[in-house]
Protein backbone atom coordinates (compact mmCIF):
# COMPACT_ATOMS: atom_id res chain seq x y z
CA MET A 1 25.39 -15.59 -24.44
CA SER A 2 25.42 -13.01 -26.98
CA ARG A 3 22.73 -10.64 -27.57
CA GLY A 4 23.81 -10.28 -31.17
CA PRO A 5 20.20 -12.18 -32.66
CA GLN A 6 18.31 -10.09 -30.08
CA ASP A 7 19.92 -6.78 -30.99
CA ALA A 8 19.02 -7.44 -34.69
CA VAL A 9 15.38 -8.12 -33.91
CA ALA A 10 15.37 -4.73 -31.89
CA LEU A 11 16.81 -2.97 -34.83
CA GLU A 12 14.24 -4.43 -37.24
CA GLU A 13 11.59 -3.43 -35.01
CA THR A 14 13.10 -0.02 -34.89
CA ARG A 15 13.54 0.11 -38.66
CA ALA A 16 9.64 -0.98 -39.10
CA ASP A 17 8.71 1.70 -36.83
CA VAL A 18 10.72 4.57 -38.03
CA SER A 19 9.85 3.56 -41.67
CA ALA A 20 6.19 4.02 -40.85
CA HIS A 21 6.87 7.32 -39.37
CA VAL A 22 8.55 8.24 -42.62
CA LEU A 23 5.85 7.32 -44.87
CA ALA A 24 3.21 8.80 -42.66
CA ALA A 25 4.33 12.07 -43.60
CA ASP A 26 4.40 11.36 -47.26
CA PRO A 27 2.01 13.53 -49.46
CA ALA A 28 1.82 10.65 -52.02
CA LEU A 29 0.14 8.54 -49.42
CA THR A 30 -2.88 10.75 -48.72
CA ASP A 31 -4.98 8.33 -50.71
CA ILE A 32 -4.25 5.90 -47.69
CA LEU A 33 -3.80 8.36 -44.94
CA THR A 34 -5.94 11.37 -44.77
CA ARG A 35 -4.21 14.85 -44.14
CA ARG A 36 -5.75 14.55 -40.35
CA CYS A 37 -4.35 11.08 -39.94
CA GLN A 38 -0.82 12.48 -41.03
CA GLN A 39 -0.94 15.30 -38.84
CA LEU A 40 -1.97 12.94 -35.65
CA TRP A 41 0.47 10.42 -36.69
CA PRO A 42 3.52 11.65 -34.34
CA GLN A 43 1.33 12.38 -31.61
CA PHE A 44 -0.43 9.02 -31.78
CA ALA A 45 3.13 7.57 -31.95
CA ALA A 46 4.21 9.32 -28.59
CA ALA A 47 0.97 8.29 -26.61
CA THR A 48 1.74 4.68 -27.79
CA TRP A 49 5.21 5.02 -26.45
CA LEU A 50 3.97 6.34 -23.03
CA GLY A 51 1.42 3.64 -22.93
CA SER A 52 3.98 0.81 -23.83
CA VAL A 53 6.05 1.14 -20.67
CA ALA A 54 3.19 -0.70 -18.99
CA ALA A 55 4.32 -4.01 -20.66
CA VAL A 56 7.74 -3.80 -19.10
CA PRO A 57 7.61 -6.30 -16.21
CA GLU A 58 8.86 -5.68 -12.59
CA GLY A 59 12.27 -4.39 -12.63
CA ASP A 60 14.03 -1.82 -14.77
CA ARG A 61 15.48 -3.91 -17.30
CA VAL A 62 13.87 -4.42 -20.73
CA GLU A 63 14.39 -7.81 -22.34
CA ASP A 64 11.85 -7.61 -24.94
CA GLU A 65 13.12 -6.84 -28.30
CA ARG A 66 9.87 -4.90 -29.11
CA GLN A 67 10.01 -2.76 -25.93
CA ARG A 68 13.71 -2.12 -26.56
CA ALA A 69 12.55 -0.70 -30.13
CA ILE A 70 10.34 1.67 -28.57
CA GLN A 71 12.80 2.80 -25.71
CA LEU A 72 15.14 3.31 -28.53
CA GLN A 73 12.79 5.57 -30.31
CA ILE A 74 12.07 7.46 -26.95
CA TRP A 75 15.61 8.17 -26.31
CA TRP A 76 16.39 9.12 -30.02
CA PHE A 77 13.43 11.41 -30.61
CA THR A 78 13.85 12.93 -27.24
CA GLY A 79 17.38 13.68 -27.93
CA LYS A 80 16.48 15.27 -31.31
CA GLY A 81 14.00 17.74 -29.68
CA ALA A 82 11.22 15.83 -31.49
CA LEU A 83 9.68 14.53 -28.33
CA ALA A 84 9.21 16.03 -24.84
CA GLU A 85 7.87 14.96 -21.50
CA ARG A 86 5.39 17.29 -20.05
CA HIS A 87 3.90 17.51 -16.79
CA ALA A 88 0.35 18.31 -15.81
CA LYS A 89 -1.70 17.81 -12.65
CA GLY A 90 0.97 15.38 -11.60
CA ARG A 91 1.12 13.19 -14.58
CA ARG A 92 3.79 12.79 -17.22
CA TYR A 93 2.78 13.06 -20.79
CA LEU A 94 4.71 12.60 -24.08
CA ALA A 95 4.46 15.50 -26.57
CA VAL A 96 5.46 16.28 -30.09
CA PRO A 97 6.37 19.86 -30.24
CA ASP A 98 7.01 19.96 -34.13
CA ALA A 99 5.75 17.24 -36.35
CA ALA A 100 8.58 18.15 -39.07
CA ARG A 101 11.27 17.69 -36.49
CA PHE A 102 9.60 14.15 -35.62
CA HIS A 103 9.68 13.25 -39.23
CA GLN A 104 13.35 14.60 -39.67
CA ALA A 105 14.26 12.62 -36.40
CA ALA A 106 12.47 9.24 -37.87
CA SER A 107 14.58 9.76 -41.10
CA GLU A 108 17.76 10.28 -39.48
CA LEU A 109 17.26 7.25 -37.21
CA LEU A 110 16.48 5.10 -40.22
CA VAL A 111 19.65 6.25 -41.83
CA LEU A 112 21.51 5.28 -38.73
CA VAL A 113 19.65 1.73 -38.19
CA ASP A 114 20.30 1.04 -42.15
CA GLU A 115 24.15 1.98 -41.89
CA ILE A 116 24.52 -0.43 -39.01
CA GLY A 117 22.81 -3.30 -40.67
CA ARG A 118 24.62 -2.42 -43.91
CA LEU A 119 27.82 -2.51 -42.38
CA GLY A 120 27.05 -5.49 -40.02
CA ASP A 121 28.26 -3.41 -37.27
CA THR A 122 27.07 -5.89 -34.35
CA ALA A 123 29.30 -3.97 -31.60
CA ARG A 124 27.75 -0.48 -32.64
CA ALA A 125 24.25 -2.04 -32.46
CA ALA A 126 24.71 -3.98 -29.29
CA ASP A 127 26.40 -0.53 -27.85
CA LEU A 128 23.45 1.49 -29.00
CA LEU A 129 20.76 -0.77 -27.47
CA GLU A 130 22.47 -1.36 -24.27
CA ARG A 131 23.02 2.27 -23.48
CA HIS A 132 19.79 3.69 -24.57
CA ALA A 133 16.92 0.98 -24.86
CA SER A 134 17.78 -1.59 -22.12
CA ARG A 135 16.22 0.26 -19.19
CA VAL A 136 12.97 1.65 -18.53
CA ASP A 137 12.19 4.49 -16.05
CA THR A 138 10.27 2.44 -13.05
CA GLN A 139 8.65 5.62 -11.80
CA TRP A 140 7.19 6.25 -14.98
CA ARG A 141 6.07 2.92 -15.66
CA ASP A 142 4.18 2.68 -12.30
CA GLU A 143 2.53 5.78 -13.11
CA VAL A 144 1.40 4.58 -16.20
CA ILE A 145 0.05 1.36 -14.75
CA ASP A 146 -1.72 3.03 -12.09
CA ARG A 147 -3.20 5.50 -14.63
CA LEU A 148 -4.30 2.69 -16.91
CA ARG A 149 -5.90 0.83 -13.70
CA ALA A 150 -7.70 3.91 -12.55
CA ALA A 151 -9.07 4.29 -15.86
CA GLY A 152 -10.07 0.72 -16.19
CA LEU A 153 -8.16 0.20 -19.33
CA PRO A 154 -6.17 -3.14 -19.71
CA ARG A 155 -2.37 -2.94 -19.99
CA ARG A 156 -2.24 -4.69 -23.28
CA VAL A 157 -4.44 -3.90 -25.94
CA ALA A 158 -4.53 -5.64 -29.57
CA VAL A 159 -5.20 -3.61 -32.55
CA ILE A 160 -7.33 -5.97 -34.89
CA PRO A 161 -6.98 -5.26 -38.60
CA PRO A 162 -10.52 -4.99 -40.40
CA GLN A 163 -11.43 -7.86 -42.84
CA ILE A 164 -10.90 -6.45 -46.41
CA ARG A 165 -13.83 -7.80 -48.67
CA GLY A 166 -14.46 -7.14 -52.34
CA VAL A 167 -17.65 -5.18 -53.30
CA VAL A 168 -18.87 -7.18 -56.47
CA ALA A 169 -21.35 -5.63 -59.10
CA GLU A 170 -22.22 -7.41 -62.10
CA GLY A 171 -19.79 -10.37 -61.15
CA LYS A 172 -16.78 -7.93 -60.93
CA ILE A 173 -14.97 -6.78 -57.96
CA VAL A 174 -15.31 -3.09 -58.40
CA ASP A 175 -14.11 -1.84 -54.85
CA ALA A 176 -13.17 -2.99 -51.48
CA GLU A 177 -14.52 -2.42 -48.13
CA ALA A 178 -13.34 -2.76 -44.59
CA VAL A 179 -15.41 -4.71 -42.14
CA PRO A 180 -14.69 -5.00 -38.58
CA VAL A 181 -13.89 -7.95 -36.67
CA ASP A 182 -16.43 -8.30 -34.02
CA ASP A 183 -15.41 -11.90 -32.84
CA LEU A 184 -11.65 -12.54 -32.52
CA ASP A 185 -12.02 -16.19 -31.84
CA ALA A 186 -14.05 -16.68 -35.14
CA GLU A 187 -11.75 -14.37 -36.84
CA ILE A 188 -8.56 -16.61 -35.80
CA LEU A 189 -10.28 -19.67 -36.96
CA ARG A 190 -10.85 -18.40 -40.31
CA THR A 191 -7.61 -17.09 -40.78
CA TRP A 192 -6.10 -20.23 -39.69
CA ALA A 193 -8.33 -22.42 -42.49
CA SER A 194 -7.12 -20.41 -45.10
CA LEU A 195 -3.37 -21.30 -44.48
């Protein structure tokens, strides 16, 4: 069985992520992302990547396309000097030593992924993903799982976007507000009812 279709999914996941990394630094988006959010974005991505390895099941082979996209980014950003592994008190951390380098690496990876897609170069995609996105460091994964367990945190966390509700004044929508979802089941039923 060829890995072709799965490779395309992993590269699309990568494209989505690196597009977000590139856009997160865009000064034109400060109305959406505050300057502080933009400053924290690279380190947030690194922390997310660190925790993501806990979702890889036993063994060192990564089959999940989302995880392959993350492993590809870890490899790429590390190779570009935009991501560094740090050790403190017997624990590993991922750090972003230079936000500008992080955003530059994201731009370069986006160009590469776009080129592979534009050319339909399935052999290059398969090679890239097989060599750099199909294995996980099991010691690192096990350490992250132990750290999550010790902190009482779940291995998987779902980020639920807020409901966006219109603010009405004099019968007209004049603004919008983000309202947190406090009941996931009710939100799912509400969303599904509108489909």
